[in-house]
């Protein structure tokens, strides 16, 4: 038998890429194992290791950019387009976010500090390379904290179809939420903390203007005993007017929020799915108790 005949069959690169893509949705250990199997699989698997990068420090950001070849030594930073990255969780605040978003042409999920998002608002469309994106590719934005309403007419606003705000600095009312919503012309889903709400301006016309244009509004309640009752009261009062108001319990810990976000990016259950299931169960229990 010749050496050529005794060689193991070689999988086509396209098939290896599909295997790595499926492995990326399983767990990090599987992806790491594939990257260590051979030099050939390593080249392909490493791309899929970056499907949903999570950056929490500037040191991690620098290391990540260097790993992608964004910072070749001894030269001006070069940003290559990466079709693999589907989600980016970045807790740092720097102008590098412009180049990263401009390089990830399949980006679907973005989790940022409000001030980092401000860099995207101020950036020119050519820097974000928005024309290279598929116009049907919606962007799902998570903001770690929102201290003031977002305003502007930047193109990036029109890409976002769902917005999840993890925390507010101040107590919010419907008028404030309305200002946030109107900044995003294509917004379909809004998830906000289920804080005790100011009902001073809770007239039907304001509720209609604020919430009716949305397909789904989720009130996110910390899974703590003292938080559930006031959150339920907020949900009950709003749902009397708007039936698409949902409630869900989630951990308020950042590490748990990050884990849930990564799960969604990799094809797992989203906060919207969890809220729909939770609210269905809650509404049935509420009606059975005689509060239809």
C-alpha atoms as a PDB file:
ATOM      1  CA  UNK A   1       0.000   0.000   0.000  1.00  0.00           C
ATOM      2  CA  UNK A   2       1.443   3.353  -0.985  1.00  0.00           C
ATOM      3  CA  UNK A   3       1.872   6.242   1.439  1.00  0.00           C
ATOM      4  CA  UNK A   4      -0.813   8.156  -0.421  1.00  0.00           C
ATOM      5  CA  UNK A   5      -3.279   5.271  -0.037  1.00  0.00           C
ATOM      6  CA  UNK A   6      -2.564   4.887   3.693  1.00  0.00           C
ATOM      7  CA  UNK A   7      -3.270   8.506   4.536  1.00  0.00           C
ATOM      8  CA  UNK A   8      -6.349   9.263   6.614  1.00  0.00           C
ATOM      9  CA  UNK A   9      -9.179  10.915   4.675  1.00  0.00           C
ATOM     10  CA  UNK A  10      -9.125  14.702   4.942  1.00  0.00           C
ATOM     11  CA  UNK A  11     -12.346  16.562   5.597  1.00  0.00           C
ATOM     12  CA  UNK A  12     -13.025  19.536   3.328  1.00  0.00           C
ATOM     13  CA  UNK A  13     -12.459  22.935   4.935  1.00  0.00           C
ATOM     14  CA  UNK A  14     -16.125  23.805   4.422  1.00  0.00           C
ATOM     15  CA  UNK A  15     -17.209  20.788   6.482  1.00  0.00           C
ATOM     16  CA  UNK A  16     -14.672  21.525   9.215  1.00  0.00           C
ATOM     17  CA  UNK A  17     -15.947  25.071   9.355  1.00  0.00           C
ATOM     18  CA  UNK A  18     -19.523  23.831   9.830  1.00  0.00           C
ATOM     19  CA  UNK A  19     -18.389  21.461  12.587  1.00  0.00           C
ATOM     20  CA  UNK A  20     -16.604  24.289  14.391  1.00  0.00           C
ATOM     21  CA  UNK A  21     -19.614  26.533  13.932  1.00  0.00           C
ATOM     22  CA  UNK A  22     -21.879  23.957  15.587  1.00  0.00           C
ATOM     23  CA  UNK A  23     -19.321  23.375  18.334  1.00  0.00           C
ATOM     24  CA  UNK A  24     -19.304  27.104  19.040  1.00  0.00           C
ATOM     25  CA  UNK A  25     -22.899  26.773  20.215  1.00  0.00           C
ATOM     26  CA  UNK A  26     -22.077  23.963  22.663  1.00  0.00           C
ATOM     27  CA  UNK A  27     -19.434  25.060  25.165  1.00  0.00           C
ATOM     28  CA  UNK A  28     -15.969  26.563  25.402  1.00  0.00           C
ATOM     29  CA  UNK A  29     -14.306  23.241  26.218  1.00  0.00           C
ATOM     30  CA  UNK A  30     -15.489  21.709  22.937  1.00  0.00           C
ATOM     31  CA  UNK A  31     -14.229  24.677  20.953  1.00  0.00           C
ATOM     32  CA  UNK A  32     -10.875  24.603  22.737  1.00  0.00           C
ATOM     33  CA  UNK A  33     -10.511  20.865  22.117  1.00  0.00           C
ATOM     34  CA  UNK A  34     -11.063  21.358  18.401  1.00  0.00           C
ATOM     35  CA  UNK A  35      -8.489  24.137  18.311  1.00  0.00           C
ATOM     36  CA  UNK A  36      -5.913  21.754  19.820  1.00  0.00           C
ATOM     37  CA  UNK A  37      -6.674  18.758  17.583  1.00  0.00           C
ATOM     38  CA  UNK A  38      -4.337  19.778  14.763  1.00  0.00           C
ATOM     39  CA  UNK A  39      -2.809  22.823  13.150  1.00  0.00           C
ATOM     40  CA  UNK A  40      -5.464  22.614  10.442  1.00  0.00           C
ATOM     41  CA  UNK A  41      -8.435  22.526  12.792  1.00  0.00           C
ATOM     42  CA  UNK A  42      -6.807  25.150  15.006  1.00  0.00           C
ATOM     43  CA  UNK A  43      -6.844  27.723  12.216  1.00  0.00           C
ATOM     44  CA  UNK A  44     -10.559  27.177  11.649  1.00  0.00           C
ATOM     45  CA  UNK A  45     -11.601  26.644  15.278  1.00  0.00           C
ATOM     46  CA  UNK A  46      -9.881  29.788  16.556  1.00  0.00           C
ATOM     47  CA  UNK A  47     -12.205  31.900  14.433  1.00  0.00           C
ATOM     48  CA  UNK A  48     -15.201  30.332  16.140  1.00  0.00           C
ATOM     49  CA  UNK A  49     -13.700  30.855  19.586  1.00  0.00           C
ATOM     50  CA  UNK A  50     -14.380  34.523  18.964  1.00  0.00           C
ATOM     51  CA  UNK A  51     -18.100  34.098  18.258  1.00  0.00           C
ATOM     52  CA  UNK A  52     -19.058  36.016  21.411  1.00  0.00           C
ATOM     53  CA  UNK A  53     -16.012  37.697  22.986  1.00  0.00           C
ATOM     54  CA  UNK A  54     -16.468  39.009  26.524  1.00  0.00           C
ATOM     55  CA  UNK A  55     -14.192  41.899  27.478  1.00  0.00           C
ATOM     56  CA  UNK A  56     -14.151  43.239  31.039  1.00  0.00           C
ATOM     57  CA  UNK A  57     -10.834  45.113  31.268  1.00  0.00           C
ATOM     58  CA  UNK A  58      -8.629  47.195  28.992  1.00  0.00           C
ATOM     59  CA  UNK A  59      -5.937  44.514  29.252  1.00  0.00           C
ATOM     60  CA  UNK A  60      -8.395  41.933  27.923  1.00  0.00           C
ATOM     61  CA  UNK A  61      -9.405  44.296  25.134  1.00  0.00           C
ATOM     62  CA  UNK A  62      -5.788  44.803  24.043  1.00  0.00           C
ATOM     63  CA  UNK A  63      -5.108  41.064  24.151  1.00  0.00           C
ATOM     64  CA  UNK A  64      -8.230  40.318  22.138  1.00  0.00           C
ATOM     65  CA  UNK A  65      -7.442  42.883  19.459  1.00  0.00           C
ATOM     66  CA  UNK A  66      -3.890  41.590  19.232  1.00  0.00           C
ATOM     67  CA  UNK A  67      -5.124  37.996  18.919  1.00  0.00           C
ATOM     68  CA  UNK A  68      -7.253  39.002  15.950  1.00  0.00           C
ATOM     69  CA  UNK A  69      -4.273  40.663  14.307  1.00  0.00           C
ATOM     70  CA  UNK A  70      -5.662  44.144  14.836  1.00  0.00           C
ATOM     71  CA  UNK A  71      -2.381  45.336  16.350  1.00  0.00           C
ATOM     72  CA  UNK A  72       0.485  44.018  14.192  1.00  0.00           C
ATOM     73  CA  UNK A  73       3.742  44.913  15.918  1.00  0.00           C
ATOM     74  CA  UNK A  74       5.611  47.920  14.629  1.00  0.00           C
ATOM     75  CA  UNK A  75       2.824  49.311  12.489  1.00  0.00           C
ATOM     76  CA  UNK A  76      -0.358  51.318  12.590  1.00  0.00           C
ATOM     77  CA  UNK A  77      -3.326  49.303  13.898  1.00  0.00           C
ATOM     78  CA  UNK A  78      -5.062  47.462  11.082  1.00  0.00           C
ATOM     79  CA  UNK A  79      -8.625  46.280  11.560  1.00  0.00           C
ATOM     80  CA  UNK A  80      -9.637  43.284   9.499  1.00  0.00           C
ATOM     81  CA  UNK A  81     -13.238  42.401   8.830  1.00  0.00           C
ATOM     82  CA  UNK A  82     -14.357  39.347  10.789  1.00  0.00           C
ATOM     83  CA  UNK A  83     -17.486  37.485   9.615  1.00  0.00           C
ATOM     84  CA  UNK A  84     -17.487  35.193  12.661  1.00  0.00           C
ATOM     85  CA  UNK A  85     -18.178  37.501  15.617  1.00  0.00           C
ATOM     86  CA  UNK A  86     -21.908  37.476  16.369  1.00  0.00           C
ATOM     87  CA  UNK A  87     -21.876  39.175  19.744  1.00  0.00           C
ATOM     88  CA  UNK A  88     -19.605  41.505  21.694  1.00  0.00           C
ATOM     89  CA  UNK A  89     -19.768  42.156  25.453  1.00  0.00           C
ATOM     90  CA  UNK A  90     -17.374  45.006  26.266  1.00  0.00           C
ATOM     91  CA  UNK A  91     -17.306  46.676  29.688  1.00  0.00           C
ATOM     92  CA  UNK A  92     -14.536  49.106  28.712  1.00  0.00           C
ATOM     93  CA  UNK A  93     -15.042  52.600  27.326  1.00  0.00           C
ATOM     94  CA  UNK A  94     -12.793  53.517  24.408  1.00  0.00           C
ATOM     95  CA  UNK A  95     -12.931  54.599  20.784  1.00  0.00           C
ATOM     96  CA  UNK A  96     -11.784  51.110  19.733  1.00  0.00           C
ATOM     97  CA  UNK A  97     -15.443  50.108  19.833  1.00  0.00           C
ATOM     98  CA  UNK A  98     -15.894  51.971  16.526  1.00  0.00           C
ATOM     99  CA  UNK A  99     -13.292  49.860  14.761  1.00  0.00           C
ATOM    100  CA  UNK A 100     -14.533  46.628  16.287  1.00  0.00           C
ATOM    101  CA  UNK A 101     -18.142  47.193  15.268  1.00  0.00           C
ATOM    102  CA  UNK A 102     -16.911  48.240  11.834  1.00  0.00           C
ATOM    103  CA  UNK A 103     -14.956  44.998  11.529  1.00  0.00           C
ATOM    104  CA  UNK A 104     -17.631  42.569  12.714  1.00  0.00           C
ATOM    105  CA  UNK A 105     -19.959  42.545   9.726  1.00  0.00           C
ATOM    106  CA  UNK A 106     -22.173  39.764  11.150  1.00  0.00           C
ATOM    107  CA  UNK A 107     -22.550  41.322  14.588  1.00  0.00           C
ATOM    108  CA  UNK A 108     -26.027  40.727  16.011  1.00  0.00           C
ATOM    109  CA  UNK A 109     -25.628  41.320  19.762  1.00  0.00           C
ATOM    110  CA  UNK A 110     -23.839  44.227  21.400  1.00  0.00           C
ATOM    111  CA  UNK A 111     -23.492  44.835  25.152  1.00  0.00           C
ATOM    112  CA  UNK A 112     -21.876  48.129  26.135  1.00  0.00           C
ATOM    113  CA  UNK A 113     -21.578  50.921  28.640  1.00  0.00           C
ATOM    114  CA  UNK A 114     -23.715  53.901  27.672  1.00  0.00           C
ATOM    115  CA  UNK A 115     -20.592  56.037  27.111  1.00  0.00           C
ATOM    116  CA  UNK A 116     -19.130  53.409  24.781  1.00  0.00           C
ATOM    117  CA  UNK A 117     -22.352  53.479  22.774  1.00  0.00           C
ATOM    118  CA  UNK A 118     -21.918  57.256  22.588  1.00  0.00           C
ATOM    119  CA  UNK A 119     -18.767  56.633  20.525  1.00  0.00           C
ATOM    120  CA  UNK A 120     -20.915  54.767  17.994  1.00  0.00           C
ATOM    121  CA  UNK A 121     -23.449  57.591  17.916  1.00  0.00           C
ATOM    122  CA  UNK A 122     -20.715  60.111  17.128  1.00  0.00           C
ATOM    123  CA  UNK A 123     -18.897  57.915  14.606  1.00  0.00           C
ATOM    124  CA  UNK A 124     -19.268  58.459  10.884  1.00  0.00           C
ATOM    125  CA  UNK A 125     -21.092  55.759   8.924  1.00  0.00           C
ATOM    126  CA  UNK A 126     -17.969  55.123   6.852  1.00  0.00           C
ATOM    127  CA  UNK A 127     -15.983  54.300  10.007  1.00  0.00           C
ATOM    128  CA  UNK A 128     -18.615  51.816  11.147  1.00  0.00           C
ATOM    129  CA  UNK A 129     -18.783  50.402   7.595  1.00  0.00           C
ATOM    130  CA  UNK A 130     -22.540  50.119   7.932  1.00  0.00           C
ATOM    131  CA  UNK A 131     -23.037  49.865   4.176  1.00  0.00           C
ATOM    132  CA  UNK A 132     -21.264  46.485   4.268  1.00  0.00           C
ATOM    133  CA  UNK A 133     -23.854  45.063   6.660  1.00  0.00           C
ATOM    134  CA  UNK A 134     -26.817  43.080   5.461  1.00  0.00           C
ATOM    135  CA  UNK A 135     -29.763  45.496   5.892  1.00  0.00           C
ATOM    136  CA  UNK A 136     -31.827  42.571   7.211  1.00  0.00           C
ATOM    137  CA  UNK A 137     -29.282  41.944   9.988  1.00  0.00           C
ATOM    138  CA  UNK A 138     -30.865  43.459  13.090  1.00  0.00           C
ATOM    139  CA  UNK A 139     -28.775  44.540  16.065  1.00  0.00           C
ATOM    140  CA  UNK A 140     -29.747  43.696  19.644  1.00  0.00           C
ATOM    141  CA  UNK A 141     -28.325  46.199  22.125  1.00  0.00           C
ATOM    142  CA  UNK A 142     -27.726  45.726  25.848  1.00  0.00           C
ATOM    143  CA  UNK A 143     -26.743  48.791  27.876  1.00  0.00           C
ATOM    144  CA  UNK A 144     -25.235  48.153  31.290  1.00  0.00           C
ATOM    145  CA  UNK A 145     -26.597  51.389  32.688  1.00  0.00           C
ATOM    146  CA  UNK A 146     -28.550  54.350  31.385  1.00  0.00           C
ATOM    147  CA  UNK A 147     -28.282  57.644  33.212  1.00  0.00           C
ATOM    148  CA  UNK A 148     -29.980  59.891  30.673  1.00  0.00           C
ATOM    149  CA  UNK A 149     -32.096  59.540  27.568  1.00  0.00           C
ATOM    150  CA  UNK A 150     -30.364  58.802  24.284  1.00  0.00           C
ATOM    151  CA  UNK A 151     -30.820  61.289  21.488  1.00  0.00           C
ATOM    152  CA  UNK A 152     -29.567  61.766  17.966  1.00  0.00           C
ATOM    153  CA  UNK A 153     -30.132  60.723  14.381  1.00  0.00           C
ATOM    154  CA  UNK A 154     -27.087  58.494  13.843  1.00  0.00           C
ATOM    155  CA  UNK A 155     -27.590  55.548  11.497  1.00  0.00           C
ATOM    156  CA  UNK A 156     -26.669  53.086  14.236  1.00  0.00           C
ATOM    157  CA  UNK A 157     -29.982  53.870  15.975  1.00  0.00           C
ATOM    158  CA  UNK A 158     -31.894  52.458  13.009  1.00  0.00           C
ATOM    159  CA  UNK A 159     -30.061  49.112  13.188  1.00  0.00           C
ATOM    160  CA  UNK A 160     -31.301  48.294  16.678  1.00  0.00           C
ATOM    161  CA  UNK A 161     -34.544  46.355  17.043  1.00  0.00           C
ATOM    162  CA  UNK A 162     -34.321  45.256  20.690  1.00  0.00           C
ATOM    163  CA  UNK A 163     -32.925  47.161  23.659  1.00  0.00           C
ATOM    164  CA  UNK A 164     -32.188  45.708  27.098  1.00  0.00           C
ATOM    165  CA  UNK A 165     -31.242  48.218  29.808  1.00  0.00           C
ATOM    166  CA  UNK A 166     -29.722  46.454  32.809  1.00  0.00           C
ATOM    167  CA  UNK A 167     -30.002  49.360  35.248  1.00  0.00           C
ATOM    168  CA  UNK A 168     -31.122  52.962  35.621  1.00  0.00           C
ATOM    169  CA  UNK A 169     -29.515  55.495  37.915  1.00  0.00           C
ATOM    170  CA  UNK A 170     -32.784  57.266  38.626  1.00  0.00           C
ATOM    171  CA  UNK A 171     -36.394  56.314  39.110  1.00  0.00           C
ATOM    172  CA  UNK A 172     -38.040  56.351  35.716  1.00  0.00           C
ATOM    173  CA  UNK A 173     -41.483  57.291  34.523  1.00  0.00           C
ATOM    174  CA  UNK A 174     -43.265  56.591  31.264  1.00  0.00           C
ATOM    175  CA  UNK A 175     -42.281  59.925  29.742  1.00  0.00           C
ATOM    176  CA  UNK A 176     -38.606  59.156  30.321  1.00  0.00           C
ATOM    177  CA  UNK A 177     -38.983  55.683  28.819  1.00  0.00           C
ATOM    178  CA  UNK A 178     -40.770  57.286  25.870  1.00  0.00           C
ATOM    179  CA  UNK A 179     -37.751  59.496  25.152  1.00  0.00           C
ATOM    180  CA  UNK A 180     -35.524  56.428  25.191  1.00  0.00           C
ATOM    181  CA  UNK A 181     -37.816  54.511  22.835  1.00  0.00           C
ATOM    182  CA  UNK A 182     -38.151  57.306  20.291  1.00  0.00           C
ATOM    183  CA  UNK A 183     -34.386  57.360  19.722  1.00  0.00           C
ATOM    184  CA  UNK A 184     -34.652  53.940  18.046  1.00  0.00           C
ATOM    185  CA  UNK A 185     -36.998  54.140  15.029  1.00  0.00           C
ATOM    186  CA  UNK A 186     -37.089  50.347  14.424  1.00  0.00           C
ATOM    187  CA  UNK A 187     -37.298  49.248  18.044  1.00  0.00           C
ATOM    188  CA  UNK A 188     -39.594  46.256  18.585  1.00  0.00           C
ATOM    189  CA  UNK A 189     -38.596  45.016  22.030  1.00  0.00           C
ATOM    190  CA  UNK A 190     -37.637  46.902  25.190  1.00  0.00           C
ATOM    191  CA  UNK A 191     -36.473  45.289  28.451  1.00  0.00           C
ATOM    192  CA  UNK A 192     -36.065  47.560  31.478  1.00  0.00           C
ATOM    193  CA  UNK A 193     -35.622  47.117  35.236  1.00  0.00           C
ATOM    194  CA  UNK A 194     -38.932  46.672  37.053  1.00  0.00           C
ATOM    195  CA  UNK A 195     -38.331  49.541  39.445  1.00  0.00           C
ATOM    196  CA  UNK A 196     -41.232  51.160  41.314  1.00  0.00           C
ATOM    197  CA  UNK A 197     -42.617  53.504  38.684  1.00  0.00           C
ATOM    198  CA  UNK A 198     -43.841  57.063  39.006  1.00  0.00           C
ATOM    199  CA  UNK A 199     -47.514  56.943  37.964  1.00  0.00           C
ATOM    200  CA  UNK A 200     -48.023  60.712  38.021  1.00  0.00           C
ATOM    201  CA  UNK A 201     -47.948  60.780  34.231  1.00  0.00           C
ATOM    202  CA  UNK A 202     -49.543  57.391  33.698  1.00  0.00           C
ATOM    203  CA  UNK A 203     -52.393  58.653  31.517  1.00  0.00           C
ATOM    204  CA  UNK A 204     -53.603  56.402  28.735  1.00  0.00           C
ATOM    205  CA  UNK A 205     -52.409  58.727  25.964  1.00  0.00           C
ATOM    206  CA  UNK A 206     -48.853  58.730  27.312  1.00  0.00           C
ATOM    207  CA  UNK A 207     -48.917  54.969  27.750  1.00  0.00           C
ATOM    208  CA  UNK A 208     -50.145  54.549  24.195  1.00  0.00           C
ATOM    209  CA  UNK A 209     -47.442  56.810  22.774  1.00  0.00           C
ATOM    210  CA  UNK A 210     -44.714  55.164  24.844  1.00  0.00           C
ATOM    211  CA  UNK A 211     -45.501  51.462  24.780  1.00  0.00           C
ATOM    212  CA  UNK A 212     -47.991  50.707  22.012  1.00  0.00           C
ATOM    213  CA  UNK A 213     -45.490  51.022  19.118  1.00  0.00           C
ATOM    214  CA  UNK A 214     -43.457  48.195  20.652  1.00  0.00           C
ATOM    215  CA  UNK A 215     -44.186  44.527  20.077  1.00  0.00           C
ATOM    216  CA  UNK A 216     -42.879  43.498  23.503  1.00  0.00           C
ATOM    217  CA  UNK A 217     -42.004  45.276  26.743  1.00  0.00           C
ATOM    218  CA  UNK A 218     -40.267  43.280  29.471  1.00  0.00           C
ATOM    219  CA  UNK A 219     -40.028  44.372  33.091  1.00  0.00           C
ATOM    220  CA  UNK A 220     -36.974  42.653  34.554  1.00  0.00           C
ATOM    221  CA  UNK A 221     -37.252  41.886  38.252  1.00  0.00           C
ATOM    222  CA  UNK A 222     -34.298  40.803  40.433  1.00  0.00           C
ATOM    223  CA  UNK A 223     -34.940  37.309  41.770  1.00  0.00           C
ATOM    224  CA  UNK A 224     -35.039  38.567  45.343  1.00  0.00           C
ATOM    225  CA  UNK A 225     -38.103  38.175  47.619  1.00  0.00           C
ATOM    226  CA  UNK A 226     -38.378  41.890  48.464  1.00  0.00           C
ATOM    227  CA  UNK A 227     -38.266  42.928  44.799  1.00  0.00           C
ATOM    228  CA  UNK A 228     -40.919  40.601  43.420  1.00  0.00           C
ATOM    229  CA  UNK A 229     -44.023  42.173  44.988  1.00  0.00           C
ATOM    230  CA  UNK A 230     -43.436  45.782  43.779  1.00  0.00           C
ATOM    231  CA  UNK A 231     -42.400  44.452  40.365  1.00  0.00           C
ATOM    232  CA  UNK A 232     -45.608  42.459  40.142  1.00  0.00           C
ATOM    233  CA  UNK A 233     -47.606  45.580  41.048  1.00  0.00           C
ATOM    234  CA  UNK A 234     -45.917  47.581  38.292  1.00  0.00           C
ATOM    235  CA  UNK A 235     -46.596  44.785  35.791  1.00  0.00           C
ATOM    236  CA  UNK A 236     -50.240  44.487  36.890  1.00  0.00           C
ATOM    237  CA  UNK A 237     -50.988  48.198  36.533  1.00  0.00           C
ATOM    238  CA  UNK A 238     -49.324  48.534  33.145  1.00  0.00           C
ATOM    239  CA  UNK A 239     -50.801  45.309  31.779  1.00  0.00           C
ATOM    240  CA  UNK A 240     -54.307  46.581  32.483  1.00  0.00           C
ATOM    241  CA  UNK A 241     -53.688  49.047  29.632  1.00  0.00           C
ATOM    242  CA  UNK A 242     -51.154  47.225  27.461  1.00  0.00           C
ATOM    243  CA  UNK A 243     -51.360  43.439  27.095  1.00  0.00           C
ATOM    244  CA  UNK A 244     -47.885  43.102  25.598  1.00  0.00           C
ATOM    245  CA  UNK A 245     -46.231  43.994  28.914  1.00  0.00           C
ATOM    246  CA  UNK A 246     -44.234  41.040  30.256  1.00  0.00           C
ATOM    247  CA  UNK A 247     -42.458  40.287  33.514  1.00  0.00           C
ATOM    248  CA  UNK A 248     -39.461  38.058  34.183  1.00  0.00           C
ATOM    249  CA  UNK A 249     -37.164  37.311  37.108  1.00  0.00           C
ATOM    250  CA  UNK A 250     -33.423  37.529  36.477  1.00  0.00           C
ATOM    251  CA  UNK A 251     -30.297  37.726  38.571  1.00  0.00           C
ATOM    252  CA  UNK A 252     -28.985  41.232  39.206  1.00  0.00           C
ATOM    253  CA  UNK A 253     -25.396  39.949  39.347  1.00  0.00           C
ATOM    254  CA  UNK A 254     -23.299  41.080  36.392  1.00  0.00           C
ATOM    255  CA  UNK A 255     -21.665  37.667  35.941  1.00  0.00           C
ATOM    256  CA  UNK A 256     -25.094  36.023  35.673  1.00  0.00           C
ATOM    257  CA  UNK A 257     -26.306  38.699  33.265  1.00  0.00           C
ATOM    258  CA  UNK A 258     -23.215  38.094  31.158  1.00  0.00           C
ATOM    259  CA  UNK A 259     -23.817  34.334  31.156  1.00  0.00           C
ATOM    260  CA  UNK A 260     -27.446  34.789  30.064  1.00  0.00           C
ATOM    261  CA  UNK A 261     -26.359  37.166  27.307  1.00  0.00           C
ATOM    262  CA  UNK A 262     -23.747  34.713  26.010  1.00  0.00           C
ATOM    263  CA  UNK A 263     -26.297  31.887  26.089  1.00  0.00           C
ATOM    264  CA  UNK A 264     -28.637  33.925  23.899  1.00  0.00           C
ATOM    265  CA  UNK A 265     -25.878  34.878  21.452  1.00  0.00           C
ATOM    266  CA  UNK A 266     -24.962  31.214  21.012  1.00  0.00           C
ATOM    267  CA  UNK A 267     -28.525  30.273  20.154  1.00  0.00           C
ATOM    268  CA  UNK A 268     -29.936  29.543  23.602  1.00  0.00           C
ATOM    269  CA  UNK A 269     -33.034  30.920  25.291  1.00  0.00           C
ATOM    270  CA  UNK A 270     -33.303  34.707  25.169  1.00  0.00           C
ATOM    271  CA  UNK A 271     -34.700  37.065  27.764  1.00  0.00           C
ATOM    272  CA  UNK A 272     -37.681  37.582  25.448  1.00  0.00           C
ATOM    273  CA  UNK A 273     -38.394  33.833  25.414  1.00  0.00           C
ATOM    274  CA  UNK A 274     -38.074  33.596  29.192  1.00  0.00           C
ATOM    275  CA  UNK A 275     -40.323  36.611  29.711  1.00  0.00           C
ATOM    276  CA  UNK A 276     -43.041  35.205  27.438  1.00  0.00           C
ATOM    277  CA  UNK A 277     -43.072  31.878  29.301  1.00  0.00           C
ATOM    278  CA  UNK A 278     -42.904  33.494  32.749  1.00  0.00           C
ATOM    279  CA  UNK A 279     -45.726  35.939  31.993  1.00  0.00           C
ATOM    280  CA  UNK A 280     -47.976  33.232  30.572  1.00  0.00           C
ATOM    281  CA  UNK A 281     -47.650  31.279  33.809  1.00  0.00           C
ATOM    282  CA  UNK A 282     -48.097  34.418  35.909  1.00  0.00           C
ATOM    283  CA  UNK A 283     -51.174  35.597  34.003  1.00  0.00           C
ATOM    284  CA  UNK A 284     -52.872  32.209  34.367  1.00  0.00           C
ATOM    285  CA  UNK A 285     -52.250  32.185  38.109  1.00  0.00           C
ATOM    286  CA  UNK A 286     -53.508  35.766  38.388  1.00  0.00           C
ATOM    287  CA  UNK A 287     -56.712  34.977  36.485  1.00  0.00           C
ATOM    288  CA  UNK A 288     -57.341  31.807  38.473  1.00  0.00           C
ATOM    289  CA  UNK A 289     -57.136  33.901  41.623  1.00  0.00           C
ATOM    290  CA  UNK A 290     -60.104  35.899  40.318  1.00  0.00           C
ATOM    291  CA  UNK A 291     -58.296  38.969  38.984  1.00  0.00           C
ATOM    292  CA  UNK A 292     -58.978  38.627  35.257  1.00  0.00           C
END
